């Protein structure tokens, strides 16, 4: 049974809020990130390959590098929000 879209969106938002707490208050909002989530189907693999060609999505390393930067700031530096997007997704 498919998950209703609004329920899935609420779960993503709750995860983002928890991540912000764990990152010391930094609200990290990444755009498209390349994952293995869609690798279980031919249609998912085809879609992923098309997105890689068109958008050149972020990698886990891209996101990890930004997280390391954010949590490494001195205490007197506030970085409340980061919007991280592939250049072609804008």
PDB file of N, CA and C in Angstrom:
ATOM      1  N   UNK A   1       0.845  -1.178   0.000  1.00  0.00           N
ATOM      2  CA  UNK A   1       0.000   0.000   0.000  1.00  0.00           C
ATOM      3  C   UNK A   1       0.894   1.247   0.000  1.00  0.00           C
ATOM      4  N   UNK A   2       0.703   2.172  -0.931  1.00  0.00           N
ATOM      5  CA  UNK A   2       1.525   3.378  -0.996  1.00  0.00           C
ATOM      6  C   UNK A   2       1.293   4.293   0.207  1.00  0.00           C
ATOM      7  N   UNK A   3       2.327   5.018   0.581  1.00  0.00           N
ATOM      8  CA  UNK A   3       2.222   5.979   1.676  1.00  0.00           C
ATOM      9  C   UNK A   3       1.620   7.271   1.125  1.00  0.00           C
ATOM     10  N   UNK A   4       0.593   7.831   1.792  1.00  0.00           N
ATOM     11  CA  UNK A   4       0.025   9.097   1.322  1.00  0.00           C
ATOM     12  C   UNK A   4       1.098  10.182   1.278  1.00  0.00           C
ATOM     13  N   UNK A   5       1.042  11.021   0.258  1.00  0.00           N
ATOM     14  CA  UNK A   5       2.061  12.042   0.038  1.00  0.00           C
ATOM     15  C   UNK A   5       2.206  12.985   1.221  1.00  0.00           C
ATOM     16  N   UNK A   6       1.090  13.412   1.824  1.00  0.00           N
ATOM     17  CA  UNK A   6       1.183  14.341   2.949  1.00  0.00           C
ATOM     18  C   UNK A   6       1.850  13.702   4.155  1.00  0.00           C
ATOM     19  N   UNK A   7       1.620  12.404   4.363  1.00  0.00           N
ATOM     20  CA  UNK A   7       2.256  11.681   5.456  1.00  0.00           C
ATOM     21  C   UNK A   7       3.762  11.570   5.210  1.00  0.00           C
ATOM     22  N   UNK A   8       4.141  11.283   3.980  1.00  0.00           N
ATOM     23  CA  UNK A   8       5.561  11.207   3.635  1.00  0.00           C
ATOM     24  C   UNK A   8       6.231  12.565   3.812  1.00  0.00           C
ATOM     25  N   UNK A   9       5.570  13.637   3.393  1.00  0.00           N
ATOM     26  CA  UNK A   9       6.121  14.987   3.539  1.00  0.00           C
ATOM     27  C   UNK A   9       6.291  15.342   5.016  1.00  0.00           C
ATOM     28  N   UNK A  10       5.334  14.965   5.841  1.00  0.00           N
ATOM     29  CA  UNK A  10       5.436  15.213   7.281  1.00  0.00           C
ATOM     30  C   UNK A  10       6.614  14.460   7.883  1.00  0.00           C
ATOM     31  N   UNK A  11       6.834  13.238   7.432  1.00  0.00           N
ATOM     32  CA  UNK A  11       7.958  12.444   7.933  1.00  0.00           C
ATOM     33  C   UNK A  11       9.289  13.079   7.535  1.00  0.00           C
ATOM     34  N   UNK A  12       9.385  13.571   6.322  1.00  0.00           N
ATOM     35  CA  UNK A  12      10.607  14.236   5.867  1.00  0.00           C
ATOM     36  C   UNK A  12      10.847  15.492   6.694  1.00  0.00           C
ATOM     37  N   UNK A  13       9.817  16.273   6.937  1.00  0.00           N
ATOM     38  CA  UNK A  13       9.952  17.499   7.735  1.00  0.00           C
ATOM     39  C   UNK A  13      10.381  17.173   9.160  1.00  0.00           C
ATOM     40  N   UNK A  14       9.803  16.140   9.748  1.00  0.00           N
ATOM     41  CA  UNK A  14      10.190  15.746  11.109  1.00  0.00           C
ATOM     42  C   UNK A  14      11.654  15.312  11.143  1.00  0.00           C
ATOM     43  N   UNK A  15      12.083  14.591  10.123  1.00  0.00           N
ATOM     44  CA  UNK A  15      13.485  14.182  10.039  1.00  0.00           C
ATOM     45  C   UNK A  15      14.409  15.375   9.903  1.00  0.00           C
ATOM     46  N   UNK A  16      14.006  16.363   9.116  1.00  0.00           N
ATOM     47  CA  UNK A  16      14.814  17.576   8.935  1.00  0.00           C
ATOM     48  C   UNK A  16      14.917  18.352  10.240  1.00  0.00           C
ATOM     49  N   UNK A  17      13.835  18.427  10.996  1.00  0.00           N
ATOM     50  CA  UNK A  17      13.862  19.137  12.276  1.00  0.00           C
ATOM     51  C   UNK A  17      14.776  18.423  13.269  1.00  0.00           C
ATOM     52  N   UNK A  18      14.729  17.095  13.301  1.00  0.00           N
ATOM     53  CA  UNK A  18      15.593  16.340  14.202  1.00  0.00           C
ATOM     54  C   UNK A  18      17.052  16.504  13.803  1.00  0.00           C
ATOM     55  N   UNK A  19      17.324  16.502  12.507  1.00  0.00           N
ATOM     56  CA  UNK A  19      18.692  16.691  12.034  1.00  0.00           C
ATOM     57  C   UNK A  19      19.206  18.070  12.433  1.00  0.00           C
ATOM     58  N   UNK A  20      18.361  19.091  12.375  1.00  0.00           N
ATOM     59  CA  UNK A  20      18.765  20.448  12.767  1.00  0.00           C
ATOM     60  C   UNK A  20      19.165  20.476  14.238  1.00  0.00           C
ATOM     61  N   UNK A  21      18.424  19.771  15.070  1.00  0.00           N
ATOM     62  CA  UNK A  21      18.762  19.702  16.493  1.00  0.00           C
ATOM     63  C   UNK A  21      20.116  19.025  16.664  1.00  0.00           C
ATOM     64  N   UNK A  22      20.332  17.935  15.960  1.00  0.00           N
ATOM     65  CA  UNK A  22      21.576  17.188  16.087  1.00  0.00           C
ATOM     66  C   UNK A  22      22.768  17.933  15.500  1.00  0.00           C
ATOM     67  N   UNK A  23      22.531  18.859  14.590  1.00  0.00           N
ATOM     68  CA  UNK A  23      23.604  19.655  13.991  1.00  0.00           C
ATOM     69  C   UNK A  23      23.797  20.981  14.714  1.00  0.00           C
ATOM     70  N   UNK A  24      23.312  21.084  15.927  1.00  0.00           N
ATOM     71  CA  UNK A  24      23.502  22.307  16.687  1.00  0.00           C
ATOM     72  C   UNK A  24      22.656  23.458  16.197  1.00  0.00           C
ATOM     73  N   UNK A  25      21.502  23.181  15.667  1.00  0.00           N
ATOM     74  CA  UNK A  25      20.591  24.220  15.228  1.00  0.00           C
ATOM     75  C   UNK A  25      20.680  24.567  13.756  1.00  0.00           C
ATOM     76  N   UNK A  26      21.578  23.941  13.029  1.00  0.00           N
ATOM     77  CA  UNK A  26      21.713  24.212  11.596  1.00  0.00           C
ATOM     78  C   UNK A  26      20.610  23.471  10.845  1.00  0.00           C
ATOM     79  N   UNK A  27      19.829  24.189  10.095  1.00  0.00           N
ATOM     80  CA  UNK A  27      18.765  23.599   9.282  1.00  0.00           C
ATOM     81  C   UNK A  27      19.339  23.373   7.887  1.00  0.00           C
ATOM     82  N   UNK A  28      19.766  22.159   7.608  1.00  0.00           N
ATOM     83  CA  UNK A  28      20.373  21.815   6.325  1.00  0.00           C
ATOM     84  C   UNK A  28      19.293  21.298   5.386  1.00  0.00           C
ATOM     85  N   UNK A  29      19.128  21.955   4.258  1.00  0.00           N
ATOM     86  CA  UNK A  29      18.114  21.595   3.261  1.00  0.00           C
ATOM     87  C   UNK A  29      18.809  21.248   1.949  1.00  0.00           C
ATOM     88  N   UNK A  30      19.130  19.974   1.740  1.00  0.00           N
ATOM     89  CA  UNK A  30      19.780  19.614   0.474  1.00  0.00           C
ATOM     90  C   UNK A  30      18.764  19.436  -0.647  1.00  0.00           C
ATOM     91  N   UNK A  31      19.203  19.711  -1.844  1.00  0.00           N
ATOM     92  CA  UNK A  31      18.399  19.433  -3.022  1.00  0.00           C
ATOM     93  C   UNK A  31      18.523  17.949  -3.360  1.00  0.00           C
ATOM     94  N   UNK A  32      18.538  17.637  -4.635  1.00  0.00           N
ATOM     95  CA  UNK A  32      18.596  16.250  -5.057  1.00  0.00           C
ATOM     96  C   UNK A  32      19.954  15.634  -4.699  1.00  0.00           C
ATOM     97  N   UNK A  33      19.902  14.527  -3.960  1.00  0.00           N
ATOM     98  CA  UNK A  33      21.105  13.804  -3.558  1.00  0.00           C
ATOM     99  C   UNK A  33      21.043  12.408  -4.161  1.00  0.00           C
ATOM    100  N   UNK A  34      22.126  11.988  -4.772  1.00  0.00           N
ATOM    101  CA  UNK A  34      22.202  10.668  -5.383  1.00  0.00           C
ATOM    102  C   UNK A  34      22.234   9.601  -4.290  1.00  0.00           C
ATOM    103  N   UNK A  35      21.267   8.684  -4.317  1.00  0.00           N
ATOM    104  CA  UNK A  35      21.196   7.591  -3.341  1.00  0.00           C
ATOM    105  C   UNK A  35      20.914   6.293  -4.075  1.00  0.00           C
ATOM    106  N   UNK A  36      20.894   5.213  -3.329  1.00  0.00           N
ATOM    107  CA  UNK A  36      20.560   3.907  -3.888  1.00  0.00           C
ATOM    108  C   UNK A  36      19.084   3.555  -3.702  1.00  0.00           C
ATOM    109  N   UNK A  37      18.283   4.508  -3.245  1.00  0.00           N
ATOM    110  CA  UNK A  37      16.877   4.220  -2.938  1.00  0.00           C
ATOM    111  C   UNK A  37      16.094   3.675  -4.127  1.00  0.00           C
ATOM    112  N   UNK A  38      16.412   4.121  -5.327  1.00  0.00           N
ATOM    113  CA  UNK A  38      15.640   3.703  -6.500  1.00  0.00           C
ATOM    114  C   UNK A  38      16.312   2.586  -7.294  1.00  0.00           C
ATOM    115  N   UNK A  39      17.360   2.008  -6.752  1.00  0.00           N
ATOM    116  CA  UNK A  39      18.117   1.015  -7.507  1.00  0.00           C
ATOM    117  C   UNK A  39      17.431  -0.349  -7.586  1.00  0.00           C
ATOM    118  N   UNK A  40      16.306  -0.514  -6.915  1.00  0.00           N
ATOM    119  CA  UNK A  40      15.630  -1.801  -6.892  1.00  0.00           C
ATOM    120  C   UNK A  40      14.710  -2.060  -8.076  1.00  0.00           C
ATOM    121  N   UNK A  41      14.548  -1.095  -8.968  1.00  0.00           N
ATOM    122  CA  UNK A  41      13.665  -1.320 -10.110  1.00  0.00           C
ATOM    123  C   UNK A  41      14.302  -0.742 -11.371  1.00  0.00           C
ATOM    124  N   UNK A  42      13.932  -1.306 -12.497  1.00  0.00           N
ATOM    125  CA  UNK A  42      14.458  -0.803 -13.772  1.00  0.00           C
ATOM    126  C   UNK A  42      14.023   0.638 -14.007  1.00  0.00           C
ATOM    127  N   UNK A  43      12.775   0.939 -13.665  1.00  0.00           N
ATOM    128  CA  UNK A  43      12.278   2.295 -13.846  1.00  0.00           C
ATOM    129  C   UNK A  43      13.040   3.265 -12.933  1.00  0.00           C
ATOM    130  N   UNK A  44      13.307   2.846 -11.704  1.00  0.00           N
ATOM    131  CA  UNK A  44      14.061   3.677 -10.778  1.00  0.00           C
ATOM    132  C   UNK A  44      15.477   3.922 -11.259  1.00  0.00           C
ATOM    133  N   UNK A  45      16.120   2.895 -11.785  1.00  0.00           N
ATOM    134  CA  UNK A  45      17.477   3.031 -12.305  1.00  0.00           C
ATOM    135  C   UNK A  45      17.476   3.966 -13.511  1.00  0.00           C
ATOM    136  N   UNK A  46      16.509   3.816 -14.402  1.00  0.00           N
ATOM    137  CA  UNK A  46      16.418   4.681 -15.582  1.00  0.00           C
ATOM    138  C   UNK A  46      16.200   6.131 -15.170  1.00  0.00           C
ATOM    139  N   UNK A  47      15.308   6.365 -14.196  1.00  0.00           N
ATOM    140  CA  UNK A  47      15.044   7.718 -13.722  1.00  0.00           C
ATOM    141  C   UNK A  47      16.305   8.320 -13.108  1.00  0.00           C
ATOM    142  N   UNK A  48      17.012   7.528 -12.298  1.00  0.00           N
ATOM    143  CA  UNK A  48      18.243   7.999 -11.653  1.00  0.00           C
ATOM    144  C   UNK A  48      19.289   8.379 -12.694  1.00  0.00           C
ATOM    145  N   UNK A  49      19.446   7.553 -13.714  1.00  0.00           N
ATOM    146  CA  UNK A  49      20.425   7.854 -14.764  1.00  0.00           C
ATOM    147  C   UNK A  49      20.067   9.139 -15.509  1.00  0.00           C
ATOM    148  N   UNK A  50      18.777   9.343 -15.752  1.00  0.00           N
ATOM    149  CA  UNK A  50      18.328  10.564 -16.420  1.00  0.00           C
ATOM    150  C   UNK A  50      18.607  11.791 -15.553  1.00  0.00           C
ATOM    151  N   UNK A  51      18.344  11.684 -14.249  1.00  0.00           N
ATOM    152  CA  UNK A  51      18.600  12.802 -13.335  1.00  0.00           C
ATOM    153  C   UNK A  51      20.106  13.078 -13.217  1.00  0.00           C
ATOM    154  N   UNK A  52      20.910  12.028 -13.223  1.00  0.00           N
ATOM    155  CA  UNK A  52      22.361  12.217 -13.176  1.00  0.00           C
ATOM    156  C   UNK A  52      22.829  12.983 -14.410  1.00  0.00           C
ATOM    157  N   UNK A  53      22.226  12.693 -15.545  1.00  0.00           N
ATOM    158  CA  UNK A  53      22.599  13.375 -16.787  1.00  0.00           C
ATOM    159  C   UNK A  53      22.115  14.826 -16.794  1.00  0.00           C
ATOM    160  N   UNK A  54      20.885  15.045 -16.357  1.00  0.00           N
ATOM    161  CA  UNK A  54      20.283  16.374 -16.447  1.00  0.00           C
ATOM    162  C   UNK A  54      20.673  17.303 -15.308  1.00  0.00           C
ATOM    163  N   UNK A  55      20.743  16.786 -14.087  1.00  0.00           N
ATOM    164  CA  UNK A  55      20.901  17.644 -12.919  1.00  0.00           C
ATOM    165  C   UNK A  55      22.270  17.507 -12.262  1.00  0.00           C
ATOM    166  N   UNK A  56      22.947  16.378 -12.426  1.00  0.00           N
ATOM    167  CA  UNK A  56      24.215  16.125 -11.743  1.00  0.00           C
ATOM    168  C   UNK A  56      24.013  16.301 -10.234  1.00  0.00           C
ATOM    169  N   UNK A  57      23.240  15.379  -9.604  1.00  0.00           N
ATOM    170  CA  UNK A  57      22.852  15.535  -8.208  1.00  0.00           C
ATOM    171  C   UNK A  57      24.050  15.557  -7.255  1.00  0.00           C
ATOM    172  N   UNK A  58      23.775  16.029  -6.047  1.00  0.00           N
ATOM    173  CA  UNK A  58      24.774  16.014  -4.991  1.00  0.00           C
ATOM    174  C   UNK A  58      25.096  14.578  -4.628  1.00  0.00           C
ATOM    175  N   UNK A  59      26.255  14.373  -4.045  1.00  0.00           N
ATOM    176  CA  UNK A  59      26.621  13.059  -3.525  1.00  0.00           C
ATOM    177  C   UNK A  59      26.588  13.123  -2.001  1.00  0.00           C
ATOM    178  N   UNK A  60      26.649  11.969  -1.367  1.00  0.00           N
ATOM    179  CA  UNK A  60      26.714  11.934   0.099  1.00  0.00           C
ATOM    180  C   UNK A  60      27.953  12.675   0.581  1.00  0.00           C
ATOM    181  N   UNK A  61      29.046  12.593  -0.149  1.00  0.00           N
ATOM    182  CA  UNK A  61      30.266  13.310   0.222  1.00  0.00           C
ATOM    183  C   UNK A  61      30.066  14.820   0.172  1.00  0.00           C
ATOM    184  N   UNK A  62      29.313  15.313  -0.816  1.00  0.00           N
ATOM    185  CA  UNK A  62      29.023  16.746  -0.889  1.00  0.00           C
ATOM    186  C   UNK A  62      28.308  17.210   0.375  1.00  0.00           C
ATOM    187  N   UNK A  63      27.296  16.451   0.776  1.00  0.00           N
ATOM    188  CA  UNK A  63      26.505  16.807   1.958  1.00  0.00           C
ATOM    189  C   UNK A  63      27.366  16.698   3.217  1.00  0.00           C
ATOM    190  N   UNK A  64      28.158  15.635   3.318  1.00  0.00           N
ATOM    191  CA  UNK A  64      29.012  15.440   4.489  1.00  0.00           C
ATOM    192  C   UNK A  64      30.024  16.575   4.640  1.00  0.00           C
ATOM    193  N   UNK A  65      30.557  17.051   3.526  1.00  0.00           N
ATOM    194  CA  UNK A  65      31.522  18.151   3.566  1.00  0.00           C
ATOM    195  C   UNK A  65      30.882  19.427   4.121  1.00  0.00           C
ATOM    196  N   UNK A  66      29.646  19.701   3.716  1.00  0.00           N
ATOM    197  CA  UNK A  66      28.946  20.888   4.211  1.00  0.00           C
ATOM    198  C   UNK A  66      28.597  20.725   5.687  1.00  0.00           C
ATOM    199  N   UNK A  67      28.195  19.531   6.094  1.00  0.00           N
ATOM    200  CA  UNK A  67      27.907  19.284   7.514  1.00  0.00           C
ATOM    201  C   UNK A  67      29.163  19.495   8.347  1.00  0.00           C
ATOM    202  N   UNK A  68      30.295  18.958   7.891  1.00  0.00           N
ATOM    203  CA  UNK A  68      31.553  19.137   8.628  1.00  0.00           C
ATOM    204  C   UNK A  68      31.900  20.619   8.758  1.00  0.00           C
ATOM    205  N   UNK A  69      31.692  21.378   7.687  1.00  0.00           N
ATOM    206  CA  UNK A  69      31.938  22.815   7.738  1.00  0.00           C
ATOM    207  C   UNK A  69      31.031  23.474   8.769  1.00  0.00           C
ATOM    208  N   UNK A  70      29.739  23.143   8.730  1.00  0.00           N
ATOM    209  CA  UNK A  70      28.755  23.790   9.603  1.00  0.00           C
ATOM    210  C   UNK A  70      29.043  23.514  11.080  1.00  0.00           C
ATOM    211  N   UNK A  71      29.319  22.283  11.422  1.00  0.00           N
ATOM    212  CA  UNK A  71      29.535  21.952  12.831  1.00  0.00           C
ATOM    213  C   UNK A  71      30.923  22.379  13.306  1.00  0.00           C
ATOM    214  N   UNK A  72      31.803  22.704  12.388  1.00  0.00           N
ATOM    215  CA  UNK A  72      33.143  23.140  12.750  1.00  0.00           C
ATOM    216  C   UNK A  72      33.281  24.630  12.986  1.00  0.00           C
ATOM    217  N   UNK A  73      32.190  25.395  12.870  1.00  0.00           N
ATOM    218  CA  UNK A  73      32.259  26.847  13.076  1.00  0.00           C
ATOM    219  C   UNK A  73      32.450  27.152  14.553  1.00  0.00           C
ATOM    220  N   UNK A  74      33.138  28.246  14.854  1.00  0.00           N
ATOM    221  CA  UNK A  74      33.262  28.677  16.253  1.00  0.00           C
ATOM    222  C   UNK A  74      31.888  28.972  16.846  1.00  0.00           C
ATOM    223  N   UNK A  75      31.783  28.890  18.165  1.00  0.00           N
ATOM    224  CA  UNK A  75      30.496  29.088  18.840  1.00  0.00           C
ATOM    225  C   UNK A  75      29.879  30.459  18.571  1.00  0.00           C
ATOM    226  N   UNK A  76      30.696  31.466  18.311  1.00  0.00           N
ATOM    227  CA  UNK A  76      30.156  32.801  18.096  1.00  0.00           C
ATOM    228  C   UNK A  76      29.631  33.004  16.669  1.00  0.00           C
ATOM    229  N   UNK A  77      29.755  31.982  15.826  1.00  0.00           N
ATOM    230  CA  UNK A  77      29.269  32.059  14.453  1.00  0.00           C
ATOM    231  C   UNK A  77      27.947  31.306  14.363  1.00  0.00           C
ATOM    232  N   UNK A  78      26.923  31.986  13.892  1.00  0.00           N
ATOM    233  CA  UNK A  78      25.606  31.374  13.738  1.00  0.00           C
ATOM    234  C   UNK A  78      25.374  31.019  12.270  1.00  0.00           C
ATOM    235  N   UNK A  79      25.011  29.799  12.043  1.00  0.00           N
ATOM    236  CA  UNK A  79      24.701  29.332  10.694  1.00  0.00           C
ATOM    237  C   UNK A  79      23.350  28.617  10.779  1.00  0.00           C
ATOM    238  N   UNK A  80      22.257  29.375  10.859  1.00  0.00           N
ATOM    239  CA  UNK A  80      20.962  28.773  11.134  1.00  0.00           C
ATOM    240  C   UNK A  80      20.363  27.955   9.990  1.00  0.00           C
ATOM    241  N   UNK A  81      20.753  28.261   8.750  1.00  0.00           N
ATOM    242  CA  UNK A  81      20.132  27.556   7.624  1.00  0.00           C
ATOM    243  C   UNK A  81      21.125  27.424   6.473  1.00  0.00           C
ATOM    244  N   UNK A  82      21.125  26.251   5.861  1.00  0.00           N
ATOM    245  CA  UNK A  82      21.947  26.021   4.676  1.00  0.00           C
ATOM    246  C   UNK A  82      21.054  25.395   3.614  1.00  0.00           C
ATOM    247  N   UNK A  83      20.996  26.018   2.462  1.00  0.00           N
ATOM    248  CA  UNK A  83      20.288  25.472   1.308  1.00  0.00           C
ATOM    249  C   UNK A  83      21.368  24.992   0.342  1.00  0.00           C
ATOM    250  N   UNK A  84      21.462  23.694   0.168  1.00  0.00           N
ATOM    251  CA  UNK A  84      22.513  23.067  -0.631  1.00  0.00           C
ATOM    252  C   UNK A  84      21.876  22.415  -1.852  1.00  0.00           C
ATOM    253  N   UNK A  85      22.191  22.928  -3.025  1.00  0.00           N
ATOM    254  CA  UNK A  85      21.538  22.453  -4.241  1.00  0.00           C
ATOM    255  C   UNK A  85      22.572  22.140  -5.329  1.00  0.00           C
ATOM    256  N   UNK A  86      22.285  21.144  -6.162  1.00  0.00           N
ATOM    257  CA  UNK A  86      23.103  20.992  -7.362  1.00  0.00           C
ATOM    258  C   UNK A  86      22.940  22.241  -8.232  1.00  0.00           C
ATOM    259  N   UNK A  87      24.007  22.675  -8.844  1.00  0.00           N
ATOM    260  CA  UNK A  87      23.968  23.913  -9.638  1.00  0.00           C
ATOM    261  C   UNK A  87      22.890  23.871 -10.723  1.00  0.00           C
ATOM    262  N   UNK A  88      22.687  22.713 -11.335  1.00  0.00           N
ATOM    263  CA  UNK A  88      21.701  22.603 -12.414  1.00  0.00           C
ATOM    264  C   UNK A  88      20.267  22.455 -11.913  1.00  0.00           C
ATOM    265  N   UNK A  89      20.067  22.291 -10.613  1.00  0.00           N
ATOM    266  CA  UNK A  89      18.715  22.133 -10.083  1.00  0.00           C
ATOM    267  C   UNK A  89      18.052  23.488  -9.839  1.00  0.00           C
ATOM    268  N   UNK A  90      18.832  24.536  -9.771  1.00  0.00           N
ATOM    269  CA  UNK A  90      18.266  25.851  -9.472  1.00  0.00           C
ATOM    270  C   UNK A  90      17.320  26.266 -10.509  1.00  0.00           C
TER     271      UNK A  90
END
